[in-house]
């Protein structure tokens, strides 16, 4: 693999990361996603000067949603 191909791949990866970052910035201020990470079932440990969050239920919900979306996209792409 030559340097031009590697450069193109890195450029595409960078653009994708920038788009995902922009979407996260926009969705972070959305009232729908404001409670993400504080759903019932998410573990939050708070001590003076220390906070630890385990968003178990939020990650399971995110995994299910992304799985459904990616399955729909793959089925649309592989349609004969």
N, C-alpha and C. Protein backbone atom coordinates (compact mmCIF):
# COMPACT_ATOMS: atom_id res chain seq x y z
N UNK A 1 0.85 -1.17 0.00
CA UNK A 1 0.00 0.00 0.00
C UNK A 1 0.90 1.24 0.00
N UNK A 2 0.63 2.15 -0.88
CA UNK A 2 1.46 3.35 -0.98
C UNK A 2 0.94 4.46 -0.05
N UNK A 3 1.74 5.51 0.06
CA UNK A 3 1.41 6.59 0.98
C UNK A 3 0.17 7.37 0.56
N UNK A 4 -0.11 7.44 -0.73
CA UNK A 4 -1.31 8.15 -1.17
C UNK A 4 -2.58 7.44 -0.72
N UNK A 5 -2.59 6.13 -0.79
CA UNK A 5 -3.75 5.36 -0.35
C UNK A 5 -3.95 5.50 1.15
N UNK A 6 -2.84 5.43 1.90
CA UNK A 6 -2.93 5.59 3.35
C UNK A 6 -3.42 6.99 3.70
N UNK A 7 -2.94 7.99 2.98
CA UNK A 7 -3.38 9.37 3.21
C UNK A 7 -4.86 9.55 2.96
N UNK A 8 -5.38 8.94 1.89
CA UNK A 8 -6.81 9.03 1.59
C UNK A 8 -7.64 8.36 2.68
N UNK A 9 -7.19 7.20 3.14
CA UNK A 9 -7.91 6.48 4.19
C UNK A 9 -7.94 7.31 5.47
N UNK A 10 -6.80 7.88 5.85
CA UNK A 10 -6.75 8.71 7.06
C UNK A 10 -7.62 9.95 6.92
N UNK A 11 -7.65 10.53 5.73
CA UNK A 11 -8.49 11.70 5.50
C UNK A 11 -9.98 11.36 5.64
N UNK A 12 -10.38 10.23 5.09
CA UNK A 12 -11.78 9.80 5.20
C UNK A 12 -12.14 9.51 6.65
N UNK A 13 -11.24 8.83 7.37
CA UNK A 13 -11.50 8.54 8.78
C UNK A 13 -11.63 9.84 9.57
N UNK A 14 -10.77 10.81 9.29
CA UNK A 14 -10.84 12.10 9.97
C UNK A 14 -12.14 12.83 9.71
N UNK A 15 -12.62 12.80 8.47
CA UNK A 15 -13.89 13.45 8.13
C UNK A 15 -15.04 12.77 8.85
N UNK A 16 -15.02 11.43 8.89
CA UNK A 16 -16.09 10.69 9.58
C UNK A 16 -16.09 11.02 11.07
N UNK A 17 -14.91 11.08 11.68
CA UNK A 17 -14.81 11.40 13.11
C UNK A 17 -15.32 12.82 13.36
N UNK A 18 -14.98 13.76 12.47
CA UNK A 18 -15.45 15.15 12.63
C UNK A 18 -16.97 15.22 12.51
N UNK A 19 -17.56 14.47 11.59
CA UNK A 19 -19.02 14.47 11.45
C UNK A 19 -19.68 13.88 12.69
N UNK A 20 -19.13 12.79 13.20
CA UNK A 20 -19.69 12.18 14.41
C UNK A 20 -19.57 13.13 15.59
N UNK A 21 -18.44 13.82 15.69
CA UNK A 21 -18.25 14.79 16.77
C UNK A 21 -19.25 15.94 16.68
N UNK A 22 -19.51 16.42 15.47
CA UNK A 22 -20.50 17.48 15.29
C UNK A 22 -21.90 17.02 15.66
N UNK A 23 -22.24 15.79 15.29
CA UNK A 23 -23.55 15.26 15.65
C UNK A 23 -23.68 15.12 17.17
N UNK A 24 -22.62 14.69 17.82
CA UNK A 24 -22.66 14.56 19.28
C UNK A 24 -22.82 15.92 19.95
N UNK A 25 -22.18 16.95 19.39
CA UNK A 25 -22.36 18.30 19.94
C UNK A 25 -23.80 18.77 19.79
N UNK A 26 -24.39 18.50 18.62
CA UNK A 26 -25.77 18.92 18.40
C UNK A 26 -26.75 18.12 19.26
N UNK A 27 -26.51 16.81 19.36
CA UNK A 27 -27.42 15.97 20.13
C UNK A 27 -27.26 16.17 21.63
N UNK A 28 -26.09 16.62 22.06
CA UNK A 28 -25.85 16.84 23.49
C UNK A 28 -26.71 17.95 24.06
N UNK A 29 -27.08 18.91 23.23
CA UNK A 29 -27.91 20.01 23.71
C UNK A 29 -29.40 19.74 23.48
N UNK A 30 -29.71 18.59 22.88
CA UNK A 30 -31.09 18.22 22.61
C UNK A 30 -31.78 17.75 23.90
N UNK A 31 -33.03 18.17 24.14
CA UNK A 31 -33.72 17.73 25.36
C UNK A 31 -34.01 16.23 25.37
N UNK A 32 -34.04 15.60 24.20
CA UNK A 32 -34.31 14.16 24.13
C UNK A 32 -33.15 13.38 24.74
N UNK A 33 -31.91 13.80 24.46
CA UNK A 33 -30.73 13.08 24.92
C UNK A 33 -30.16 13.63 26.22
N UNK A 34 -30.86 14.58 26.84
CA UNK A 34 -30.36 15.17 28.07
C UNK A 34 -30.31 14.15 29.22
N UNK A 35 -31.23 13.19 29.22
CA UNK A 35 -31.29 12.21 30.29
C UNK A 35 -30.46 10.96 30.00
N UNK A 36 -29.80 10.93 28.85
CA UNK A 36 -28.95 9.78 28.50
C UNK A 36 -27.80 9.71 29.49
N UNK A 37 -27.61 8.55 30.11
CA UNK A 37 -26.59 8.39 31.13
C UNK A 37 -27.14 8.48 32.53
N UNK A 38 -28.40 8.88 32.65
CA UNK A 38 -29.02 8.93 33.97
C UNK A 38 -30.37 8.20 33.97
N UNK A 39 -30.44 7.16 33.16
CA UNK A 39 -31.66 6.35 33.12
C UNK A 39 -31.71 5.43 34.33
N UNK A 40 -32.91 4.94 34.68
CA UNK A 40 -32.98 3.96 35.76
C UNK A 40 -32.19 2.71 35.39
N UNK A 41 -31.34 2.26 36.26
CA UNK A 41 -30.48 1.11 35.98
C UNK A 41 -29.04 1.52 35.74
N UNK A 42 -28.79 2.78 35.46
CA UNK A 42 -27.42 3.27 35.34
C UNK A 42 -26.85 3.44 36.75
N UNK A 43 -25.63 2.99 36.94
CA UNK A 43 -25.00 3.03 38.27
C UNK A 43 -24.19 4.31 38.41
N UNK A 44 -24.42 5.04 39.48
CA UNK A 44 -23.70 6.28 39.75
C UNK A 44 -23.21 6.25 41.20
N UNK A 45 -21.89 6.34 41.35
CA UNK A 45 -21.27 6.35 42.68
C UNK A 45 -20.70 7.74 42.90
N UNK A 46 -21.19 8.40 43.96
CA UNK A 46 -20.71 9.75 44.28
C UNK A 46 -20.14 9.78 45.68
N UNK A 47 -18.93 10.28 45.76
CA UNK A 47 -18.24 10.51 47.03
C UNK A 47 -17.69 11.93 46.99
N UNK A 48 -17.30 12.49 48.09
CA UNK A 48 -16.70 13.83 48.06
C UNK A 48 -15.44 13.85 47.18
N UNK A 49 -15.47 14.63 46.14
CA UNK A 49 -14.33 14.74 45.23
C UNK A 49 -14.20 13.60 44.24
N UNK A 50 -15.21 12.73 44.14
CA UNK A 50 -15.13 11.56 43.26
C UNK A 50 -16.51 11.21 42.75
N UNK A 51 -16.64 11.03 41.45
CA UNK A 51 -17.88 10.56 40.85
C UNK A 51 -17.54 9.51 39.81
N UNK A 52 -18.23 8.39 39.85
CA UNK A 52 -18.02 7.31 38.88
C UNK A 52 -19.39 6.89 38.34
N UNK A 53 -19.52 6.86 37.02
CA UNK A 53 -20.79 6.54 36.38
C UNK A 53 -20.61 5.33 35.49
N UNK A 54 -21.49 4.34 35.64
CA UNK A 54 -21.54 3.17 34.78
C UNK A 54 -22.90 3.17 34.07
N UNK A 55 -22.99 3.72 32.86
CA UNK A 55 -24.28 3.84 32.17
C UNK A 55 -24.69 2.53 31.48
N UNK A 56 -24.96 1.51 32.27
CA UNK A 56 -25.23 0.17 31.73
C UNK A 56 -26.50 0.17 30.87
N UNK A 57 -27.60 0.66 31.39
CA UNK A 57 -28.87 0.65 30.67
C UNK A 57 -28.79 1.56 29.44
N UNK A 58 -28.13 2.69 29.57
CA UNK A 58 -28.00 3.60 28.44
C UNK A 58 -27.21 2.95 27.31
N UNK A 59 -26.15 2.21 27.63
CA UNK A 59 -25.34 1.56 26.61
C UNK A 59 -26.09 0.40 25.96
N UNK A 60 -26.89 -0.32 26.73
CA UNK A 60 -27.70 -1.39 26.15
C UNK A 60 -28.72 -0.80 25.18
N UNK A 61 -29.36 0.29 25.58
CA UNK A 61 -30.33 0.96 24.71
C UNK A 61 -29.66 1.48 23.44
N UNK A 62 -28.50 2.09 23.58
CA UNK A 62 -27.76 2.60 22.43
C UNK A 62 -27.35 1.45 21.50
N UNK A 63 -26.93 0.33 22.06
CA UNK A 63 -26.54 -0.83 21.27
C UNK A 63 -27.71 -1.38 20.47
N UNK A 64 -28.88 -1.45 21.07
CA UNK A 64 -30.07 -1.95 20.37
C UNK A 64 -30.45 -1.01 19.23
N UNK A 65 -30.45 0.28 19.49
CA UNK A 65 -30.82 1.25 18.46
C UNK A 65 -29.83 1.22 17.29
N UNK A 66 -28.53 1.20 17.59
CA UNK A 66 -27.53 1.17 16.53
C UNK A 66 -27.58 -0.14 15.74
N UNK A 67 -27.87 -1.26 16.41
CA UNK A 67 -27.99 -2.53 15.72
C UNK A 67 -29.15 -2.51 14.73
N UNK A 68 -30.28 -1.98 15.14
CA UNK A 68 -31.44 -1.89 14.25
C UNK A 68 -31.12 -0.98 13.06
N UNK A 69 -30.52 0.19 13.32
CA UNK A 69 -30.20 1.13 12.23
C UNK A 69 -29.21 0.51 11.25
N UNK A 70 -28.15 -0.11 11.76
CA UNK A 70 -27.16 -0.72 10.87
C UNK A 70 -27.73 -1.89 10.09
N UNK A 71 -28.61 -2.69 10.70
CA UNK A 71 -29.25 -3.78 9.97
C UNK A 71 -30.11 -3.26 8.83
N UNK A 72 -30.84 -2.18 9.07
CA UNK A 72 -31.66 -1.58 8.01
C UNK A 72 -30.77 -1.08 6.88
N UNK A 73 -29.67 -0.41 7.21
CA UNK A 73 -28.75 0.11 6.18
C UNK A 73 -28.14 -1.03 5.37
N UNK A 74 -27.69 -2.09 6.04
CA UNK A 74 -27.08 -3.21 5.33
C UNK A 74 -28.09 -3.89 4.43
N UNK A 75 -29.31 -4.05 4.89
CA UNK A 75 -30.34 -4.67 4.04
C UNK A 75 -30.70 -3.81 2.83
N UNK A 76 -30.69 -2.50 3.00
CA UNK A 76 -30.95 -1.61 1.86
C UNK A 76 -29.80 -1.65 0.85
N UNK A 77 -28.57 -1.75 1.34
CA UNK A 77 -27.41 -1.80 0.44
C UNK A 77 -27.35 -3.14 -0.31
N UNK A 78 -27.66 -4.24 0.37
CA UNK A 78 -27.57 -5.57 -0.24
C UNK A 78 -28.82 -6.00 -0.97
N UNK A 79 -29.74 -5.09 -1.19
CA UNK A 79 -30.99 -5.42 -1.88
C UNK A 79 -30.69 -5.72 -3.35
N UNK A 80 -31.26 -6.84 -3.89
CA UNK A 80 -30.99 -7.18 -5.32
C UNK A 80 -31.70 -6.26 -6.30
